[in-house]
């Protein structure tokens, strides 16, 4: 970044493919470590540092929140952030901000920007499909395989009476 740093208006476009870092998601869903992540970004020199904007794409893998089957889907997240030079940050007196990152004047580390963008695009509870019936809460059977699956549930308030019917049958 040395060639465009401190030259406001200078711009560079980047199209890179790289392996996913260790943590790119949540416990339920994420981009597996080492899988391919694509970044298409524009890096523009501004008076405060380098403005980065673009798109990151990857394939996320997780478990359906209802039936626990594997779920795979594409993630496309918008990436943006300002990488400020140390002296510009000190002059502004600006504290930490969501889209402001440190820039040493030579390299821009996009890992945190990519991680934040991807994690925000992941669903809190991934589903294999919106109408997934899930698992039986009594025995764990897949309700997709047996839509008529049911258990006879006796109201606990009447459970004392079941012992009377069992005695009559004996």
C-alpha atoms as a PDB file:
ATOM      1  CA  UNK A   1       0.000   0.000   0.000  1.00  0.00           C
ATOM      2  CA  UNK A   2       3.067   2.208   0.188  1.00  0.00           C
ATOM      3  CA  UNK A   3       2.605   3.363  -3.445  1.00  0.00           C
ATOM      4  CA  UNK A   4      -0.897   4.827  -2.887  1.00  0.00           C
ATOM      5  CA  UNK A   5      -0.641   5.809   0.807  1.00  0.00           C
ATOM      6  CA  UNK A   6      -0.485   9.584   1.347  1.00  0.00           C
ATOM      7  CA  UNK A   7      -1.608  10.225  -2.232  1.00  0.00           C
ATOM      8  CA  UNK A   8      -5.295  11.145  -1.829  1.00  0.00           C
ATOM      9  CA  UNK A   9      -7.323  10.015  -4.823  1.00  0.00           C
ATOM     10  CA  UNK A  10      -4.983   7.151  -5.779  1.00  0.00           C
ATOM     11  CA  UNK A  11      -6.865   3.874  -6.101  1.00  0.00           C
ATOM     12  CA  UNK A  12      -6.180   0.175  -6.505  1.00  0.00           C
ATOM     13  CA  UNK A  13      -8.552  -2.723  -7.100  1.00  0.00           C
ATOM     14  CA  UNK A  14      -7.882  -6.124  -5.638  1.00  0.00           C
ATOM     15  CA  UNK A  15      -9.355  -9.506  -6.559  1.00  0.00           C
ATOM     16  CA  UNK A  16      -7.896 -12.187  -4.339  1.00  0.00           C
ATOM     17  CA  UNK A  17      -8.743 -15.717  -3.301  1.00  0.00           C
ATOM     18  CA  UNK A  18      -7.374 -16.878   0.038  1.00  0.00           C
ATOM     19  CA  UNK A  19      -7.969 -19.654   2.600  1.00  0.00           C
ATOM     20  CA  UNK A  20     -10.495 -18.854   5.335  1.00  0.00           C
ATOM     21  CA  UNK A  21      -8.989 -17.926   8.700  1.00  0.00           C
ATOM     22  CA  UNK A  22      -9.602 -20.058  11.803  1.00  0.00           C
ATOM     23  CA  UNK A  23     -12.669 -18.192  13.069  1.00  0.00           C
ATOM     24  CA  UNK A  24     -15.050 -17.087  10.343  1.00  0.00           C
ATOM     25  CA  UNK A  25     -18.481 -17.749  11.782  1.00  0.00           C
ATOM     26  CA  UNK A  26     -20.276 -18.973  14.869  1.00  0.00           C
ATOM     27  CA  UNK A  27     -20.677 -22.337  16.579  1.00  0.00           C
ATOM     28  CA  UNK A  28     -23.774 -23.173  14.488  1.00  0.00           C
ATOM     29  CA  UNK A  29     -22.589 -21.949  11.080  1.00  0.00           C
ATOM     30  CA  UNK A  30     -19.459 -20.567   9.487  1.00  0.00           C
ATOM     31  CA  UNK A  31     -16.913 -20.758   6.719  1.00  0.00           C
ATOM     32  CA  UNK A  32     -14.661 -23.758   7.473  1.00  0.00           C
ATOM     33  CA  UNK A  33     -11.002 -22.958   8.058  1.00  0.00           C
ATOM     34  CA  UNK A  34      -8.926 -23.264   4.905  1.00  0.00           C
ATOM     35  CA  UNK A  35     -11.827 -23.163   2.426  1.00  0.00           C
ATOM     36  CA  UNK A  36     -11.744 -20.669  -0.419  1.00  0.00           C
ATOM     37  CA  UNK A  37     -12.789 -17.064   0.253  1.00  0.00           C
ATOM     38  CA  UNK A  38     -12.925 -14.481  -2.549  1.00  0.00           C
ATOM     39  CA  UNK A  39     -12.419 -10.766  -1.988  1.00  0.00           C
ATOM     40  CA  UNK A  40     -13.093  -8.123  -4.635  1.00  0.00           C
ATOM     41  CA  UNK A  41     -12.251  -4.722  -3.217  1.00  0.00           C
ATOM     42  CA  UNK A  42     -11.338  -1.180  -4.088  1.00  0.00           C
ATOM     43  CA  UNK A  43      -8.666   0.499  -1.978  1.00  0.00           C
ATOM     44  CA  UNK A  44      -8.653   4.278  -2.236  1.00  0.00           C
ATOM     45  CA  UNK A  45      -6.216   6.658  -0.633  1.00  0.00           C
ATOM     46  CA  UNK A  46      -7.938   9.410   1.332  1.00  0.00           C
ATOM     47  CA  UNK A  47      -6.436  12.103   3.524  1.00  0.00           C
ATOM     48  CA  UNK A  48      -6.960  10.015   6.706  1.00  0.00           C
ATOM     49  CA  UNK A  49      -5.590   6.751   5.293  1.00  0.00           C
ATOM     50  CA  UNK A  50      -7.018   4.020   3.028  1.00  0.00           C
ATOM     51  CA  UNK A  51     -10.759   3.492   2.397  1.00  0.00           C
ATOM     52  CA  UNK A  52     -11.589  -0.125   1.547  1.00  0.00           C
ATOM     53  CA  UNK A  53     -14.904  -1.167   0.014  1.00  0.00           C
ATOM     54  CA  UNK A  54     -15.946  -4.294  -1.820  1.00  0.00           C
ATOM     55  CA  UNK A  55     -17.479  -7.731  -1.547  1.00  0.00           C
ATOM     56  CA  UNK A  56     -16.359 -10.981   0.057  1.00  0.00           C
ATOM     57  CA  UNK A  57     -17.884 -14.315  -1.016  1.00  0.00           C
ATOM     58  CA  UNK A  58     -17.543 -17.783   0.481  1.00  0.00           C
ATOM     59  CA  UNK A  59     -19.489 -20.960   1.172  1.00  0.00           C
ATOM     60  CA  UNK A  60     -20.769 -21.378   4.721  1.00  0.00           C
ATOM     61  CA  UNK A  61     -21.448 -24.747   6.329  1.00  0.00           C
ATOM     62  CA  UNK A  62     -23.520 -25.465   9.405  1.00  0.00           C
ATOM     63  CA  UNK A  63     -26.277 -27.515  10.989  1.00  0.00           C
ATOM     64  CA  UNK A  64     -29.975 -26.964  10.488  1.00  0.00           C
ATOM     65  CA  UNK A  65     -31.333 -25.568  13.743  1.00  0.00           C
ATOM     66  CA  UNK A  66     -34.315 -27.941  13.583  1.00  0.00           C
ATOM     67  CA  UNK A  67     -33.240 -31.274  12.080  1.00  0.00           C
ATOM     68  CA  UNK A  68     -29.427 -31.062  12.507  1.00  0.00           C
ATOM     69  CA  UNK A  69     -28.775 -31.889   8.829  1.00  0.00           C
ATOM     70  CA  UNK A  70     -25.812 -30.215   7.170  1.00  0.00           C
ATOM     71  CA  UNK A  71     -26.601 -26.860   5.582  1.00  0.00           C
ATOM     72  CA  UNK A  72     -24.458 -25.256   2.853  1.00  0.00           C
ATOM     73  CA  UNK A  73     -25.081 -21.861   1.322  1.00  0.00           C
ATOM     74  CA  UNK A  74     -23.211 -19.029  -0.345  1.00  0.00           C
ATOM     75  CA  UNK A  75     -22.424 -15.884   1.615  1.00  0.00           C
ATOM     76  CA  UNK A  76     -21.853 -12.548  -0.119  1.00  0.00           C
ATOM     77  CA  UNK A  77     -21.024  -9.739   2.271  1.00  0.00           C
ATOM     78  CA  UNK A  78     -20.291  -6.076   1.725  1.00  0.00           C
ATOM     79  CA  UNK A  79     -16.898  -5.043   3.101  1.00  0.00           C
ATOM     80  CA  UNK A  80     -15.976  -1.503   4.061  1.00  0.00           C
ATOM     81  CA  UNK A  81     -13.623   0.222   6.417  1.00  0.00           C
ATOM     82  CA  UNK A  82     -11.225   3.096   6.882  1.00  0.00           C
ATOM     83  CA  UNK A  83      -7.631   2.210   7.665  1.00  0.00           C
ATOM     84  CA  UNK A  84      -6.293   5.329   9.352  1.00  0.00           C
ATOM     85  CA  UNK A  85      -2.688   6.334   9.587  1.00  0.00           C
ATOM     86  CA  UNK A  86      -1.483   6.582  13.184  1.00  0.00           C
ATOM     87  CA  UNK A  87      -0.803  10.325  12.953  1.00  0.00           C
ATOM     88  CA  UNK A  88      -4.267  11.020  11.422  1.00  0.00           C
ATOM     89  CA  UNK A  89      -5.940   9.147  14.288  1.00  0.00           C
ATOM     90  CA  UNK A  90      -3.961  11.126  16.870  1.00  0.00           C
ATOM     91  CA  UNK A  91      -4.814  14.463  15.177  1.00  0.00           C
ATOM     92  CA  UNK A  92      -8.528  13.650  15.085  1.00  0.00           C
ATOM     93  CA  UNK A  93      -8.536  12.440  18.663  1.00  0.00           C
ATOM     94  CA  UNK A  94     -11.041   9.890  17.406  1.00  0.00           C
ATOM     95  CA  UNK A  95     -11.511   6.770  19.528  1.00  0.00           C
ATOM     96  CA  UNK A  96     -12.224   3.321  18.260  1.00  0.00           C
ATOM     97  CA  UNK A  97     -15.040   3.188  15.730  1.00  0.00           C
ATOM     98  CA  UNK A  98     -16.744   0.237  14.062  1.00  0.00           C
ATOM     99  CA  UNK A  99     -15.377   0.843  10.576  1.00  0.00           C
ATOM    100  CA  UNK A 100     -12.013   2.400  11.519  1.00  0.00           C
ATOM    101  CA  UNK A 101      -8.888   0.268  11.667  1.00  0.00           C
ATOM    102  CA  UNK A 102      -5.188   0.847  12.198  1.00  0.00           C
ATOM    103  CA  UNK A 103      -2.884   1.329   9.197  1.00  0.00           C
ATOM    104  CA  UNK A 104       0.905   1.312   9.495  1.00  0.00           C
ATOM    105  CA  UNK A 105       1.502   3.058   6.168  1.00  0.00           C
ATOM    106  CA  UNK A 106       2.563  -0.081   4.301  1.00  0.00           C
ATOM    107  CA  UNK A 107       0.114  -2.951   4.727  1.00  0.00           C
ATOM    108  CA  UNK A 108      -3.637  -3.258   5.212  1.00  0.00           C
ATOM    109  CA  UNK A 109      -4.774  -6.285   7.225  1.00  0.00           C
ATOM    110  CA  UNK A 110      -8.271  -7.090   5.973  1.00  0.00           C
ATOM    111  CA  UNK A 111      -8.878 -10.170   8.153  1.00  0.00           C
ATOM    112  CA  UNK A 112     -10.938  -8.322  10.786  1.00  0.00           C
ATOM    113  CA  UNK A 113     -12.968  -6.454   8.140  1.00  0.00           C
ATOM    114  CA  UNK A 114     -13.723  -9.702   6.282  1.00  0.00           C
ATOM    115  CA  UNK A 115     -14.601 -11.550   9.510  1.00  0.00           C
ATOM    116  CA  UNK A 116     -16.999  -8.820  10.654  1.00  0.00           C
ATOM    117  CA  UNK A 117     -18.733  -8.662   7.262  1.00  0.00           C
ATOM    118  CA  UNK A 118     -19.161 -12.438   6.898  1.00  0.00           C
ATOM    119  CA  UNK A 119     -20.352 -13.055  10.465  1.00  0.00           C
ATOM    120  CA  UNK A 120     -23.024 -10.356  10.115  1.00  0.00           C
ATOM    121  CA  UNK A 121     -24.385 -12.114   7.001  1.00  0.00           C
ATOM    122  CA  UNK A 122     -24.688 -15.543   8.646  1.00  0.00           C
ATOM    123  CA  UNK A 123     -28.113 -16.559   9.974  1.00  0.00           C
ATOM    124  CA  UNK A 124     -28.474 -16.843  13.743  1.00  0.00           C
ATOM    125  CA  UNK A 125     -30.230 -20.201  13.300  1.00  0.00           C
ATOM    126  CA  UNK A 126     -29.550 -21.775   9.900  1.00  0.00           C
ATOM    127  CA  UNK A 127     -32.326 -23.871   8.385  1.00  0.00           C
ATOM    128  CA  UNK A 128     -32.125 -26.469   5.616  1.00  0.00           C
ATOM    129  CA  UNK A 129     -35.400 -24.969   4.374  1.00  0.00           C
ATOM    130  CA  UNK A 130     -37.940 -22.573   5.908  1.00  0.00           C
ATOM    131  CA  UNK A 131     -40.595 -25.261   6.517  1.00  0.00           C
ATOM    132  CA  UNK A 132     -38.253 -27.882   8.020  1.00  0.00           C
ATOM    133  CA  UNK A 133     -40.347 -29.856  10.564  1.00  0.00           C
ATOM    134  CA  UNK A 134     -37.289 -30.775  12.649  1.00  0.00           C
ATOM    135  CA  UNK A 135     -37.018 -33.599  15.171  1.00  0.00           C
ATOM    136  CA  UNK A 136     -39.547 -35.053  17.589  1.00  0.00           C
ATOM    137  CA  UNK A 137     -39.031 -33.476  21.000  1.00  0.00           C
ATOM    138  CA  UNK A 138     -39.925 -36.783  22.700  1.00  0.00           C
ATOM    139  CA  UNK A 139     -37.753 -39.332  20.889  1.00  0.00           C
ATOM    140  CA  UNK A 140     -35.632 -37.434  18.332  1.00  0.00           C
ATOM    141  CA  UNK A 141     -37.204 -39.028  15.244  1.00  0.00           C
ATOM    142  CA  UNK A 142     -36.979 -37.027  11.998  1.00  0.00           C
ATOM    143  CA  UNK A 143     -40.443 -35.610  11.374  1.00  0.00           C
ATOM    144  CA  UNK A 144     -39.627 -35.277   7.664  1.00  0.00           C
ATOM    145  CA  UNK A 145     -39.397 -39.081   7.374  1.00  0.00           C
ATOM    146  CA  UNK A 146     -42.631 -39.709   9.303  1.00  0.00           C
ATOM    147  CA  UNK A 147     -45.064 -36.771   9.063  1.00  0.00           C
ATOM    148  CA  UNK A 148     -47.725 -38.655  11.079  1.00  0.00           C
ATOM    149  CA  UNK A 149     -45.310 -39.311  13.968  1.00  0.00           C
ATOM    150  CA  UNK A 150     -46.967 -38.710  17.342  1.00  0.00           C
ATOM    151  CA  UNK A 151     -46.793 -39.826  20.958  1.00  0.00           C
ATOM    152  CA  UNK A 152     -49.725 -40.386  23.262  1.00  0.00           C
ATOM    153  CA  UNK A 153     -49.279 -37.720  25.866  1.00  0.00           C
ATOM    154  CA  UNK A 154     -51.328 -37.920  29.037  1.00  0.00           C
ATOM    155  CA  UNK A 155     -51.919 -34.759  30.969  1.00  0.00           C
ATOM    156  CA  UNK A 156     -49.937 -35.167  34.229  1.00  0.00           C
ATOM    157  CA  UNK A 157     -52.963 -33.993  36.212  1.00  0.00           C
ATOM    158  CA  UNK A 158     -54.772 -37.181  35.132  1.00  0.00           C
ATOM    159  CA  UNK A 159     -51.843 -39.546  35.667  1.00  0.00           C
ATOM    160  CA  UNK A 160     -53.253 -40.838  38.979  1.00  0.00           C
ATOM    161  CA  UNK A 161     -56.315 -42.108  37.117  1.00  0.00           C
ATOM    162  CA  UNK A 162     -54.210 -44.187  34.707  1.00  0.00           C
ATOM    163  CA  UNK A 163     -53.187 -46.440  37.591  1.00  0.00           C
ATOM    164  CA  UNK A 164     -56.887 -47.194  38.192  1.00  0.00           C
ATOM    165  CA  UNK A 165     -57.449 -48.254  34.576  1.00  0.00           C
ATOM    166  CA  UNK A 166     -54.339 -50.427  34.695  1.00  0.00           C
ATOM    167  CA  UNK A 167     -55.688 -52.198  37.814  1.00  0.00           C
ATOM    168  CA  UNK A 168     -59.033 -52.915  36.086  1.00  0.00           C
ATOM    169  CA  UNK A 169     -57.267 -54.447  33.084  1.00  0.00           C
ATOM    170  CA  UNK A 170     -55.261 -56.822  35.305  1.00  0.00           C
END
